[in-house]
Amino acid sequence: IDGDKPDHDDDTHPDDEPPQPPRGGRPALRVVK
């Protein structure tokens, strides 16, 4: 589930950060903030 969640978040905010660091989960924290 953790892998599917960041994938969707990245798709929603592709302008914020590229789909490169969606494996660690750092961008996910940024999107939540």
PDB file of N, CA and C in Angstrom:
ATOM      1  N   ILE A   1       0.854  -1.212   0.000  1.00  0.00           N
ATOM      2  CA  ILE A   1       0.000   0.000   0.000  1.00  0.00           C
ATOM      3  C   ILE A   1       0.882   1.251   0.000  1.00  0.00           C
ATOM      4  N   ASP A   2       2.005   1.151   0.681  1.00  0.00           N
ATOM      5  CA  ASP A   2       2.894   2.316   0.771  1.00  0.00           C
ATOM      6  C   ASP A   2       3.435   2.686  -0.612  1.00  0.00           C
ATOM      7  N   GLY A   3       3.631   1.662  -1.442  1.00  0.00           N
ATOM      8  CA  GLY A   3       4.179   1.913  -2.784  1.00  0.00           C
ATOM      9  C   GLY A   3       3.108   2.482  -3.701  1.00  0.00           C
ATOM     10  N   ASP A   4       1.871   2.112  -3.475  1.00  0.00           N
ATOM     11  CA  ASP A   4       0.784   2.610  -4.331  1.00  0.00           C
ATOM     12  C   ASP A   4       0.386   4.033  -3.937  1.00  0.00           C
ATOM     13  N   LYS A   5       0.566   4.344  -2.683  1.00  0.00           N
ATOM     14  CA  LYS A   5       0.158   5.674  -2.203  1.00  0.00           C
ATOM     15  C   LYS A   5       1.044   6.780  -2.795  1.00  0.00           C
ATOM     16  N   PRO A   6       2.358   6.673  -2.643  1.00  0.00           N
ATOM     17  CA  PRO A   6       3.266   7.699  -3.177  1.00  0.00           C
ATOM     18  C   PRO A   6       3.126   7.842  -4.683  1.00  0.00           C
ATOM     19  N   ASP A   7       2.832   6.737  -5.345  1.00  0.00           N
ATOM     20  CA  ASP A   7       2.681   6.775  -6.802  1.00  0.00           C
ATOM     21  C   ASP A   7       1.535   7.719  -7.185  1.00  0.00           C
ATOM     22  N   HIS A   8       0.458   7.629  -6.465  1.00  0.00           N
ATOM     23  CA  HIS A   8      -0.711   8.461  -6.770  1.00  0.00           C
ATOM     24  C   HIS A   8      -0.428   9.920  -6.397  1.00  0.00           C
ATOM     25  N   ASP A   9       0.232  10.097  -5.265  1.00  0.00           N
ATOM     26  CA  ASP A   9       0.543  11.460  -4.807  1.00  0.00           C
ATOM     27  C   ASP A   9       1.424  12.172  -5.829  1.00  0.00           C
ATOM     28  N   ASP A  10       2.375  11.429  -6.370  1.00  0.00           N
ATOM     29  CA  ASP A  10       3.293  12.025  -7.347  1.00  0.00           C
ATOM     30  C   ASP A  10       2.530  12.439  -8.601  1.00  0.00           C
ATOM     31  N   ASP A  11       1.552  11.637  -8.969  1.00  0.00           N
ATOM     32  CA  ASP A  11       0.769  11.931 -10.175  1.00  0.00           C
ATOM     33  C   ASP A  11      -0.064  13.198  -9.970  1.00  0.00           C
ATOM     34  N   THR A  12      -0.470  13.424  -8.730  1.00  0.00           N
ATOM     35  CA  THR A  12      -1.307  14.598  -8.436  1.00  0.00           C
ATOM     36  C   THR A  12      -0.467  15.875  -8.442  1.00  0.00           C
ATOM     37  N   HIS A  13       0.765  15.765  -7.947  1.00  0.00           N
ATOM     38  CA  HIS A  13       1.637  16.949  -7.888  1.00  0.00           C
ATOM     39  C   HIS A  13       2.951  16.689  -8.632  1.00  0.00           C
ATOM     40  N   PRO A  14       2.859  16.460  -9.920  1.00  0.00           N
ATOM     41  CA  PRO A  14       4.064  16.190 -10.715  1.00  0.00           C
ATOM     42  C   PRO A  14       4.892  17.461 -10.897  1.00  0.00           C
ATOM     43  N   ASP A  15       4.287  18.604 -10.633  1.00  0.00           N
ATOM     44  CA  ASP A  15       4.994  19.882 -10.775  1.00  0.00           C
ATOM     45  C   ASP A  15       5.878  20.145  -9.553  1.00  0.00           C
ATOM     46  N   ASP A  16       5.469  19.571  -8.418  1.00  0.00           N
ATOM     47  CA  ASP A  16       6.225  19.779  -7.175  1.00  0.00           C
ATOM     48  C   ASP A  16       7.584  19.080  -7.249  1.00  0.00           C
ATOM     49  N   GLU A  17       7.542  17.800  -7.617  1.00  0.00           N
ATOM     50  CA  GLU A  17       8.794  17.030  -7.713  1.00  0.00           C
ATOM     51  C   GLU A  17       8.628  15.897  -8.726  1.00  0.00           C
ATOM     52  N   PRO A  18       9.674  15.613  -9.460  1.00  0.00           N
ATOM     53  CA  PRO A  18       9.623  14.557 -10.485  1.00  0.00           C
ATOM     54  C   PRO A  18       9.352  13.195  -9.865  1.00  0.00           C
ATOM     55  N   PRO A  19       8.975  12.220 -10.673  1.00  0.00           N
ATOM     56  CA  PRO A  19       8.683  10.855 -10.193  1.00  0.00           C
ATOM     57  C   PRO A  19       9.971  10.079  -9.978  1.00  0.00           C
ATOM     58  N   GLN A  20      10.941  10.709  -9.346  1.00  0.00           N
ATOM     59  CA  GLN A  20      12.230  10.032  -9.106  1.00  0.00           C
ATOM     60  C   GLN A  20      12.339   9.574  -7.652  1.00  0.00           C
ATOM     61  N   PRO A  21      12.030  10.420  -6.690  1.00  0.00           N
ATOM     62  CA  PRO A  21      12.133  10.045  -5.264  1.00  0.00           C
ATOM     63  C   PRO A  21      10.811   9.601  -4.669  1.00  0.00           C
ATOM     64  N   PRO A  22      10.040   8.776  -5.397  1.00  0.00           N
ATOM     65  CA  PRO A  22       8.754   8.293  -4.858  1.00  0.00           C
ATOM     66  C   PRO A  22       8.923   6.902  -4.260  1.00  0.00           C
ATOM     67  N   ARG A  23      10.178   6.453  -4.134  1.00  0.00           N
ATOM     68  CA  ARG A  23      10.426   5.094  -3.619  1.00  0.00           C
ATOM     69  C   ARG A  23      10.723   5.172  -2.113  1.00  0.00           C
ATOM     70  N   GLY A  24      11.348   6.245  -1.676  1.00  0.00           N
ATOM     71  CA  GLY A  24      11.701   6.343  -0.243  1.00  0.00           C
ATOM     72  C   GLY A  24      10.485   6.805   0.570  1.00  0.00           C
ATOM     73  N   GLY A  25       9.757   7.769   0.037  1.00  0.00           N
ATOM     74  CA  GLY A  25       8.577   8.249   0.771  1.00  0.00           C
ATOM     75  C   GLY A  25       8.812   9.669   1.272  1.00  0.00           C
ATOM     76  N   ARG A  26       9.891  10.288   0.832  1.00  0.00           N
ATOM     77  CA  ARG A  26      10.180  11.669   1.281  1.00  0.00           C
ATOM     78  C   ARG A  26       9.174  12.644   0.646  1.00  0.00           C
ATOM     79  N   PRO A  27       8.911  12.505  -0.644  1.00  0.00           N
ATOM     80  CA  PRO A  27       7.962  13.400  -1.332  1.00  0.00           C
ATOM     81  C   PRO A  27       6.569  13.274  -0.727  1.00  0.00           C
ATOM     82  N   ALA A  28       6.243  12.101  -0.241  1.00  0.00           N
ATOM     83  CA  ALA A  28       4.907  11.873   0.340  1.00  0.00           C
ATOM     84  C   ALA A  28       4.730  12.804   1.549  1.00  0.00           C
ATOM     85  N   LEU A  29       5.783  12.936   2.332  1.00  0.00           N
ATOM     86  CA  LEU A  29       5.690  13.792   3.525  1.00  0.00           C
ATOM     87  C   LEU A  29       5.512  15.247   3.091  1.00  0.00           C
ATOM     88  N   ARG A  30       6.159  15.586   2.007  1.00  0.00           N
ATOM     89  CA  ARG A  30       6.090  16.977   1.517  1.00  0.00           C
ATOM     90  C   ARG A  30       4.659  17.259   1.029  1.00  0.00           C
ATOM     91  N   VAL A  31       4.091  16.322   0.347  1.00  0.00           N
ATOM     92  CA  VAL A  31       2.730  16.512  -0.189  1.00  0.00           C
ATOM     93  C   VAL A  31       1.733  16.641   0.953  1.00  0.00           C
ATOM     94  N   VAL A  32       1.950  15.856   1.996  1.00  0.00           N
ATOM     95  CA  VAL A  32       1.024  15.890   3.146  1.00  0.00           C
ATOM     96  C   VAL A  32       1.101  17.244   3.838  1.00  0.00           C
ATOM     97  N   LYS A  33       2.324  17.776   3.872  1.00  0.00           N
ATOM     98  CA  LYS A  33       2.519  19.069   4.550  1.00  0.00           C
ATOM     99  C   LYS A  33       1.885  20.156   3.698  1.00  0.00           C
TER     100      LYS A  33
END
